[in-house]
Protein backbone atom coordinates (compact mmCIF):
# COMPACT_ATOMS: atom_id res chain seq x y z
CA MET A 1 8.35 -15.52 10.96
CA SER A 2 5.38 -13.15 11.07
CA LEU A 3 5.10 -10.43 8.45
CA LEU A 4 3.27 -7.21 9.31
CA VAL A 5 1.35 -5.75 6.37
CA THR A 6 -0.35 -2.38 6.50
CA GLY A 7 -1.82 -0.18 3.81
CA SER A 8 -4.96 0.94 2.09
CA ILE A 9 -8.21 -0.97 1.76
CA GLY A 10 -10.33 0.53 -0.97
CA ILE A 11 -13.51 0.49 -2.96
CA ASP A 12 -12.29 0.66 -6.54
CA THR A 13 -13.83 1.39 -9.92
CA VAL A 14 -11.57 0.06 -12.66
CA LYS A 15 -11.82 0.66 -16.41
CA THR A 16 -9.77 -1.25 -18.98
CA PRO A 17 -10.09 -1.67 -22.75
CA PHE A 18 -11.78 -4.97 -21.91
CA GLY A 19 -14.48 -3.76 -19.55
CA GLU A 20 -15.38 -1.85 -16.41
CA ARG A 21 -16.06 -2.95 -12.84
CA LYS A 22 -17.54 -0.71 -10.16
CA ASP A 23 -17.15 -0.91 -6.39
CA CYS A 24 -14.57 -3.72 -6.37
CA LEU A 25 -12.43 -4.67 -3.39
CA GLY A 26 -9.20 -2.74 -3.77
CA GLY A 27 -6.07 -1.93 -1.84
CA SER A 28 -2.67 -3.55 -2.18
CA ALA A 29 -2.70 -4.47 1.53
CA ILE A 30 -5.50 -6.94 0.76
CA TYR A 31 -3.87 -8.63 -2.20
CA PHE A 32 -0.35 -8.62 -0.80
CA SER A 33 -1.60 -10.21 2.43
CA LEU A 34 -3.49 -12.93 0.57
CA ALA A 35 -0.41 -13.77 -1.51
CA ALA A 36 2.04 -13.60 1.41
CA SER A 37 -0.13 -15.90 3.55
CA PHE A 38 0.86 -18.83 1.35
CA PHE A 39 4.43 -18.44 2.61
CA THR A 40 4.25 -17.03 6.14
CA PRO A 41 1.77 -15.86 8.81
CA VAL A 42 0.59 -12.30 8.19
CA ARG A 43 -0.31 -9.64 10.73
CA PHE A 44 -2.75 -7.26 9.04
CA VAL A 45 -3.25 -3.59 9.96
CA GLY A 46 -5.81 -1.50 8.12
CA ALA A 47 -8.94 0.59 8.47
CA VAL A 48 -12.23 0.88 6.62
CA GLY A 49 -15.27 3.03 7.18
CA GLU A 50 -18.68 1.86 8.25
CA ASP A 51 -19.74 1.94 4.57
CA CYS A 52 -17.36 -0.89 3.61
CA PRO A 53 -19.43 -3.49 1.72
CA PHE A 54 -16.89 -6.31 2.00
CA ASP A 55 -16.73 -9.02 4.67
CA LEU A 56 -12.98 -9.07 5.13
CA LYS A 57 -13.10 -11.76 7.80
CA ASN A 58 -14.77 -14.05 5.29
CA ILE A 59 -12.31 -13.10 2.53
CA PHE A 60 -9.35 -14.03 4.74
CA ALA A 61 -11.07 -17.01 6.41
CA GLU A 62 -8.96 -19.68 4.70
CA HIS A 63 -5.68 -17.77 4.90
CA ASP A 64 -3.12 -17.41 7.68
CA VAL A 65 -3.87 -13.73 8.24
CA ASP A 66 -4.36 -12.29 11.72
CA LEU A 67 -6.99 -9.52 11.53
CA THR A 68 -6.52 -8.20 15.07
CA GLY A 69 -5.28 -4.96 13.49
CA LEU A 70 -8.34 -4.46 11.27
CA GLU A 71 -10.41 -1.44 12.31
CA ILE A 72 -13.96 -0.72 11.15
CA ARG A 73 -14.23 2.96 12.02
CA GLN A 74 -17.69 4.27 12.82
CA GLY A 75 -18.55 7.62 11.26
CA SER A 76 -15.87 7.28 8.56
CA LEU A 77 -15.97 6.42 4.88
CA THR A 78 -13.74 3.91 3.13
CA PHE A 79 -11.03 5.06 0.71
CA ARG A 80 -12.28 5.13 -2.90
CA TRP A 81 -10.25 5.09 -6.11
CA ALA A 82 -11.26 5.10 -9.77
CA GLY A 83 -8.80 4.60 -12.59
CA THR A 84 -8.40 3.71 -16.24
CA TYR A 85 -5.79 1.23 -17.49
CA THR A 86 -4.18 1.30 -20.92
CA ALA A 87 -4.18 -1.65 -23.30
CA ASP A 88 -0.89 -3.06 -21.98
CA MET A 89 -2.35 -3.01 -18.41
CA ASN A 90 0.88 -1.48 -17.04
CA ASP A 91 -0.06 2.20 -17.14
CA ARG A 92 -3.13 3.77 -15.63
CA THR A 93 -4.50 7.18 -14.84
CA THR A 94 -6.33 8.14 -11.68
CA ASP A 95 -9.79 9.40 -12.64
CA ASN A 96 -11.06 10.09 -9.14
CA VAL A 97 -9.88 9.64 -5.57
CA GLU A 98 -11.69 10.10 -2.27
CA LEU A 99 -9.18 9.78 0.56
CA ASN A 100 -11.86 9.55 3.25
CA ILE A 101 -10.37 7.40 6.04
CA LEU A 102 -6.84 7.83 4.61
CA ALA A 103 -7.07 11.52 5.52
CA GLU A 104 -7.66 10.58 9.15
CA ALA A 105 -5.43 9.13 11.84
CA PRO A 106 -3.91 5.74 10.97
CA PRO A 107 -5.26 2.56 12.56
CA GLU A 108 -3.77 1.48 15.86
CA ILE A 109 -1.10 -1.20 15.79
CA PRO A 110 -1.87 -3.94 18.34
CA GLU A 111 0.74 -4.38 21.08
CA THR A 112 1.30 -7.96 19.93
CA TYR A 113 2.33 -6.66 16.48
CA LYS A 114 4.88 -4.07 17.59
CA ASP A 115 7.75 -6.56 17.74
CA SER A 116 7.34 -7.41 14.03
CA ARG A 117 10.76 -7.68 12.38
CA TYR A 118 9.52 -7.82 8.78
CA VAL A 119 7.18 -5.11 7.50
CA PHE A 120 5.52 -4.40 4.18
CA LEU A 121 4.03 -0.93 3.88
CA ALA A 122 1.50 -1.60 1.15
CA ASN A 123 0.39 1.29 -1.02
CA THR A 124 -1.19 4.12 0.92
CA HIS A 125 -0.47 7.78 1.73
CA PRO A 126 3.29 8.03 2.53
CA GLY A 127 2.51 10.16 5.57
CA LEU A 128 0.46 7.29 6.99
CA GLN A 129 3.25 4.86 6.13
CA LEU A 130 5.64 6.97 8.18
CA GLN A 131 3.26 7.27 11.14
CA LEU A 132 2.66 3.53 11.25
CA LEU A 133 6.36 2.76 10.97
CA GLU A 134 7.16 5.01 13.93
CA LYS A 135 4.98 2.82 16.18
CA LEU A 136 7.07 -0.32 15.63
CA ASP A 137 9.99 -1.50 17.75
CA GLY A 138 12.96 -1.58 15.39
CA PRO A 139 11.97 -3.79 12.45
CA ARG A 140 14.80 -5.57 10.65
CA LEU A 141 13.44 -5.17 7.09
CA VAL A 142 10.91 -2.61 5.82
CA VAL A 143 9.70 -2.52 2.23
CA ALA A 144 7.18 0.00 0.89
CA ASP A 145 4.91 0.17 -2.12
CA THR A 146 3.72 3.38 -3.78
CA MET A 147 1.85 4.65 -6.84
CA ASN A 148 1.60 7.60 -9.23
CA LEU A 149 -0.99 9.39 -7.06
CA TRP A 150 1.52 9.83 -4.20
CA ILE A 151 4.49 10.47 -6.48
CA GLU A 152 2.62 13.36 -8.10
CA ASN A 153 0.86 14.81 -5.05
CA GLU A 154 2.88 13.79 -1.97
CA ARG A 155 6.45 13.71 -3.24
CA ALA A 156 8.00 15.40 -0.20
CA GLU A 157 6.44 12.86 2.18
CA LEU A 158 7.52 10.00 -0.07
CA ILE A 159 11.12 11.22 -0.06
CA ARG A 160 10.99 11.46 3.76
CA LEU A 161 9.88 7.84 3.81
CA MET A 162 13.01 6.82 1.88
CA ASP A 163 15.14 7.45 4.98
CA ARG A 164 13.15 4.91 7.00
CA ILE A 165 12.83 1.93 4.67
CA HIS A 166 15.16 -0.61 3.08
CA GLY A 167 13.37 -1.27 -0.20
CA LEU A 168 10.76 0.26 -2.51
CA VAL A 169 8.38 -1.46 -4.95
CA LEU A 170 6.93 0.42 -7.93
CA ASN A 171 6.19 -0.22 -11.58
CA ASP A 172 8.17 0.99 -14.58
CA GLY A 173 5.92 4.00 -15.24
CA GLU A 174 6.12 5.06 -11.59
CA ALA A 175 9.91 4.73 -11.58
CA LYS A 176 10.11 7.00 -14.63
CA LEU A 177 7.66 9.47 -13.08
CA PHE A 178 9.55 9.54 -9.77
CA THR A 179 12.96 10.17 -11.30
CA GLY A 180 12.21 11.79 -14.65
CA ARG A 181 14.39 9.13 -16.29
CA ASP A 182 13.30 6.95 -19.22
CA ASN A 183 16.06 4.39 -18.69
CA LEU A 184 14.99 2.00 -15.93
CA VAL A 185 18.54 1.13 -14.90
CA THR A 186 19.32 4.81 -14.40
CA ALA A 187 16.01 5.31 -12.60
CA ALA A 188 16.73 2.39 -10.26
CA LYS A 189 20.19 3.74 -9.42
CA GLU A 190 18.75 7.17 -8.61
CA ILE A 191 16.07 5.70 -6.35
CA ILE A 192 18.62 3.55 -4.50
CA ALA A 193 20.80 6.63 -4.06
CA MET A 194 17.98 8.15 -1.97
CA GLY A 195 19.09 5.83 0.83
CA LEU A 196 17.62 2.44 -0.04
CA SER A 197 19.26 -0.97 -0.08
CA PHE A 198 17.24 -2.09 -3.11
CA VAL A 199 14.36 -1.23 -5.41
CA VAL A 200 11.98 -3.57 -7.25
CA ILE A 201 10.67 -2.18 -10.55
CA LYS A 202 7.76 -4.21 -11.90
């Protein structure tokens, strides 16, 4: 079973009560792919700009991740995100975001990937998630990830995405933000009622 993973690759600056790190490798597509590769082959689709300082081929070298779908786009800049986490490490605020390549056309999906039956749309702009999903040939299971940035600024696109996926992954703060409900059980029921088969609240 091959799992197609697509989403953002970022250059992150992260502040916590315990320290700060600048220009780190970010993007849930990276970390989800690394974790998933322990269980199944991964087909990776993503794009970075020519400024990307990370050698992704080296990072994935010892993992079962096919990087045919990785695009290094000349003339573009990599997505950047800066955020501050609270002491419990569950909640964070976005201090700065530079969409850069995420404001452009999505990366191309290789022909050999289009028959993927299992798809994880890692956190990125929901409009890009929709565009990428439309290029696949009838996947059996599609799960998406999201974050507060898209819930607050791209809600309409995120709701459109609900009609095309089976499951959604988000944390407790994001579930409350998305639904306006403090009770997580109630929030989960409302999200499922948007047309999903299941929701995972972290």
